[in-house]
Amino acid sequence: MSCAQILAPASIGLPGGQMAKMNALTVCITCRRDGTDPQGPRDGARLSDALSARGVPHDRQECFSACERSCVVVFRGPGRWTYVQGGLDPDLHPDDVAEMARAYAATPDGIVPWRSRPEVIRKNTIARIPPIEV
């Protein structure tokens, strides 16, 4: 199953036929890594573009307030643990983000075993947040 199929919006019976994402990847598009061209495209936007080019569905968000740890993404879903990940390079880590998205979506509760996470994800977890329902 492709990442796009796993993370595709799924109906959960919302009023008016609205759709909700069961699992969501959100990318901070305002992230700028240290040492990058301040006049160039934002690294977070570049990461988002790289994920789009790979067919990885995700949302774009301005500023997660984790600027010292950029680039930053979030994996989340209803009733699932949330992961805030930083230290991602838009040139080196899009495939790692896609791999984590697949692993996250494959779990019943969002808890991805540590050894199942790509190395860059294991080393750069900013926070793992329990579901609000817990």
C-alpha atoms as a PDB file:
ATOM      1  CA  MET A   1       0.000   0.000   0.000  1.00  0.00           C
ATOM      2  CA  SER A   2       1.359   3.432  -0.888  1.00  0.00           C
ATOM      3  CA  CYS A   3       1.835   6.263   1.565  1.00  0.00           C
ATOM      4  CA  ALA A   4      -0.850   8.212  -0.324  1.00  0.00           C
ATOM      5  CA  GLN A   5      -3.346   5.384   0.219  1.00  0.00           C
ATOM      6  CA  ILE A   6      -2.491   5.061   3.900  1.00  0.00           C
ATOM      7  CA  LEU A   7      -2.734   8.786   4.617  1.00  0.00           C
ATOM      8  CA  ALA A   8      -5.605   9.586   2.250  1.00  0.00           C
ATOM      9  CA  PRO A   9      -8.567  11.389   3.783  1.00  0.00           C
ATOM     10  CA  ALA A  10     -11.154   8.984   5.135  1.00  0.00           C
ATOM     11  CA  SER A  11     -14.764   9.658   6.033  1.00  0.00           C
ATOM     12  CA  ILE A  12     -15.544   9.303   9.717  1.00  0.00           C
ATOM     13  CA  GLY A  13     -19.200  10.232   9.576  1.00  0.00           C
ATOM     14  CA  LEU A  14     -18.919  13.981   9.965  1.00  0.00           C
ATOM     15  CA  PRO A  15     -21.999  16.136   9.353  1.00  0.00           C
ATOM     16  CA  GLY A  16     -22.675  17.283   5.807  1.00  0.00           C
ATOM     17  CA  GLY A  17     -20.405  14.680   4.250  1.00  0.00           C
ATOM     18  CA  GLN A  18     -17.288  16.447   5.491  1.00  0.00           C
ATOM     19  CA  MET A  19     -14.059  14.521   5.334  1.00  0.00           C
ATOM     20  CA  ALA A  20     -11.484  14.207   8.082  1.00  0.00           C
ATOM     21  CA  LYS A  21      -7.987  12.826   7.920  1.00  0.00           C
ATOM     22  CA  MET A  22      -7.480   9.789  10.079  1.00  0.00           C
ATOM     23  CA  ASN A  23      -3.703  10.277  10.044  1.00  0.00           C
ATOM     24  CA  ALA A  24      -2.077  13.564   9.228  1.00  0.00           C
ATOM     25  CA  LEU A  25       1.427  14.708   8.464  1.00  0.00           C
ATOM     26  CA  THR A  26       1.912  18.451   8.827  1.00  0.00           C
ATOM     27  CA  VAL A  27       5.021  20.291   7.668  1.00  0.00           C
ATOM     28  CA  CYS A  28       6.152  23.687   8.956  1.00  0.00           C
ATOM     29  CA  ILE A  29       6.729  25.676   5.779  1.00  0.00           C
ATOM     30  CA  THR A  30       8.428  28.640   7.457  1.00  0.00           C
ATOM     31  CA  CYS A  31      11.375  26.658   8.849  1.00  0.00           C
ATOM     32  CA  ARG A  32      14.793  27.896   7.819  1.00  0.00           C
ATOM     33  CA  ARG A  33      17.848  25.857   8.773  1.00  0.00           C
ATOM     34  CA  ASP A  34      20.945  27.625  10.121  1.00  0.00           C
ATOM     35  CA  GLY A  35      23.378  28.638   7.426  1.00  0.00           C
ATOM     36  CA  THR A  36      20.897  28.675   4.547  1.00  0.00           C
ATOM     37  CA  ASP A  37      20.383  31.604   2.204  1.00  0.00           C
ATOM     38  CA  PRO A  38      18.020  34.063   3.944  1.00  0.00           C
ATOM     39  CA  GLN A  39      16.810  35.223   0.529  1.00  0.00           C
ATOM     40  CA  GLY A  40      16.237  31.699  -0.783  1.00  0.00           C
ATOM     41  CA  PRO A  41      13.146  29.517  -0.454  1.00  0.00           C
ATOM     42  CA  ARG A  42      12.321  28.426   3.082  1.00  0.00           C
ATOM     43  CA  ASP A  43      13.642  24.963   3.898  1.00  0.00           C
ATOM     44  CA  GLY A  44      10.295  23.868   5.313  1.00  0.00           C
ATOM     45  CA  ALA A  45       8.585  24.794   2.054  1.00  0.00           C
ATOM     46  CA  ARG A  46      11.289  22.872   0.179  1.00  0.00           C
ATOM     47  CA  LEU A  47      10.658  19.824   2.382  1.00  0.00           C
ATOM     48  CA  SER A  48       6.937  20.123   1.680  1.00  0.00           C
ATOM     49  CA  ASP A  49       7.616  20.336  -2.060  1.00  0.00           C
ATOM     50  CA  ALA A  50       9.873  17.258  -1.893  1.00  0.00           C
ATOM     51  CA  LEU A  51       7.143  15.301  -0.096  1.00  0.00           C
ATOM     52  CA  SER A  52       4.571  16.413  -2.670  1.00  0.00           C
ATOM     53  CA  ALA A  53       6.875  15.282  -5.472  1.00  0.00           C
ATOM     54  CA  ARG A  54       6.961  11.839  -3.814  1.00  0.00           C
ATOM     55  CA  GLY A  55       3.167  11.715  -3.555  1.00  0.00           C
ATOM     56  CA  VAL A  56       3.145  12.019   0.236  1.00  0.00           C
ATOM     57  CA  PRO A  57      -0.043  13.795   1.336  1.00  0.00           C
ATOM     58  CA  HIS A  58       0.441  16.391   4.039  1.00  0.00           C
ATOM     59  CA  ASP A  59      -0.755  19.697   5.360  1.00  0.00           C
ATOM     60  CA  ARG A  60       1.325  22.868   5.312  1.00  0.00           C
ATOM     61  CA  GLN A  61       1.456  25.053   8.415  1.00  0.00           C
ATOM     62  CA  GLU A  62       3.260  28.260   9.274  1.00  0.00           C
ATOM     63  CA  CYS A  63       5.555  28.084  12.287  1.00  0.00           C
ATOM     64  CA  PHE A  64       5.489  25.400  14.972  1.00  0.00           C
ATOM     65  CA  SER A  65       7.720  27.616  17.180  1.00  0.00           C
ATOM     66  CA  ALA A  66      10.524  25.063  17.117  1.00  0.00           C
ATOM     67  CA  CYS A  67      12.855  27.196  15.007  1.00  0.00           C
ATOM     68  CA  GLU A  68      16.018  26.007  16.739  1.00  0.00           C
ATOM     69  CA  ARG A  69      15.207  22.443  15.592  1.00  0.00           C
ATOM     70  CA  SER A  70      14.129  23.050  11.986  1.00  0.00           C
ATOM     71  CA  CYS A  71      12.890  21.623   9.741  1.00  0.00           C
ATOM     72  CA  VAL A  72       9.919  20.421  11.786  1.00  0.00           C
ATOM     73  CA  VAL A  73       7.039  18.071  10.980  1.00  0.00           C
ATOM     74  CA  VAL A  74       4.193  16.595  13.043  1.00  0.00           C
ATOM     75  CA  PHE A  75       2.554  13.175  12.767  1.00  0.00           C
ATOM     76  CA  ARG A  76      -0.900  13.107  14.373  1.00  0.00           C
ATOM     77  CA  GLY A  77      -4.338  11.558  14.254  1.00  0.00           C
ATOM     78  CA  PRO A  78      -7.491  11.187  16.367  1.00  0.00           C
ATOM     79  CA  GLY A  79      -6.936   8.894  19.345  1.00  0.00           C
ATOM     80  CA  ARG A  80      -3.266   8.523  18.417  1.00  0.00           C
ATOM     81  CA  TRP A  81       0.030   9.639  19.883  1.00  0.00           C
ATOM     82  CA  THR A  82       1.474  12.748  18.225  1.00  0.00           C
ATOM     83  CA  TYR A  83       5.130  13.026  17.227  1.00  0.00           C
ATOM     84  CA  VAL A  84       6.883  16.371  16.749  1.00  0.00           C
ATOM     85  CA  GLN A  85      10.053  15.809  14.722  1.00  0.00           C
ATOM     86  CA  GLY A  86      12.845  18.264  14.021  1.00  0.00           C
ATOM     87  CA  GLY A  87      16.318  18.392  12.549  1.00  0.00           C
ATOM     88  CA  LEU A  88      15.105  17.436   9.084  1.00  0.00           C
ATOM     89  CA  ASP A  89      17.001  18.471   5.970  1.00  0.00           C
ATOM     90  CA  PRO A  90      14.825  18.978   2.879  1.00  0.00           C
ATOM     91  CA  ASP A  91      17.565  17.552   0.661  1.00  0.00           C
ATOM     92  CA  LEU A  92      18.405  14.497   2.783  1.00  0.00           C
ATOM     93  CA  HIS A  93      15.295  13.409   4.690  1.00  0.00           C
ATOM     94  CA  PRO A  94      12.076  13.433   2.590  1.00  0.00           C
ATOM     95  CA  ASP A  95      12.241   9.645   2.192  1.00  0.00           C
ATOM     96  CA  ASP A  96      12.721   9.239   5.963  1.00  0.00           C
ATOM     97  CA  VAL A  97       9.650  11.400   6.613  1.00  0.00           C
ATOM     98  CA  ALA A  98       7.647   9.318   4.125  1.00  0.00           C
ATOM     99  CA  GLU A  99       8.846   6.096   5.786  1.00  0.00           C
ATOM    100  CA  MET A 100       7.810   7.385   9.222  1.00  0.00           C
ATOM    101  CA  ALA A 101       4.424   8.432   7.832  1.00  0.00           C
ATOM    102  CA  ARG A 102       3.844   4.892   6.581  1.00  0.00           C
ATOM    103  CA  ALA A 103       4.981   3.364   9.889  1.00  0.00           C
ATOM    104  CA  TYR A 104       2.804   5.787  11.868  1.00  0.00           C
ATOM    105  CA  ALA A 105      -0.270   5.046   9.764  1.00  0.00           C
ATOM    106  CA  ALA A 106       0.259   1.296  10.131  1.00  0.00           C
ATOM    107  CA  THR A 107      -0.061   1.376  13.930  1.00  0.00           C
ATOM    108  CA  PRO A 108      -3.382   1.244  15.779  1.00  0.00           C
ATOM    109  CA  ASP A 109      -2.417   3.988  18.254  1.00  0.00           C
ATOM    110  CA  GLY A 110       0.361   5.974  16.575  1.00  0.00           C
ATOM    111  CA  ILE A 111       3.117   4.434  18.683  1.00  0.00           C
ATOM    112  CA  VAL A 112       5.895   3.524  16.270  1.00  0.00           C
ATOM    113  CA  PRO A 113       8.472   1.242  17.918  1.00  0.00           C
ATOM    114  CA  TRP A 114      11.747   3.110  18.351  1.00  0.00           C
ATOM    115  CA  ARG A 115      13.771   0.684  16.208  1.00  0.00           C
ATOM    116  CA  SER A 116      11.162   0.894  13.427  1.00  0.00           C
ATOM    117  CA  ARG A 117      11.701   4.631  13.022  1.00  0.00           C
ATOM    118  CA  PRO A 118      14.224   6.006  10.520  1.00  0.00           C
ATOM    119  CA  GLU A 119      17.465   7.006  12.253  1.00  0.00           C
ATOM    120  CA  VAL A 120      16.968  10.740  11.701  1.00  0.00           C
ATOM    121  CA  ILE A 121      13.539  10.439  13.348  1.00  0.00           C
ATOM    122  CA  ARG A 122      14.916   8.472  16.315  1.00  0.00           C
ATOM    123  CA  LYS A 123      17.581  11.119  16.925  1.00  0.00           C
ATOM    124  CA  ASN A 124      15.388  14.198  16.431  1.00  0.00           C
ATOM    125  CA  THR A 125      12.117  13.637  18.263  1.00  0.00           C
ATOM    126  CA  ILE A 126      11.171  16.914  19.927  1.00  0.00           C
ATOM    127  CA  ALA A 127       8.070  15.529  21.639  1.00  0.00           C
ATOM    128  CA  ARG A 128       5.801  12.489  21.772  1.00  0.00           C
ATOM    129  CA  ILE A 129       2.398  13.641  23.000  1.00  0.00           C
ATOM    130  CA  PRO A 130      -0.328  11.282  24.245  1.00  0.00           C
ATOM    131  CA  PRO A 131      -3.768  11.423  22.663  1.00  0.00           C
ATOM    132  CA  ILE A 132      -6.214  13.759  24.346  1.00  0.00           C
ATOM    133  CA  GLU A 133      -8.544  10.792  24.897  1.00  0.00           C
ATOM    134  CA  VAL A 134      -6.037   9.086  27.266  1.00  0.00           C
END
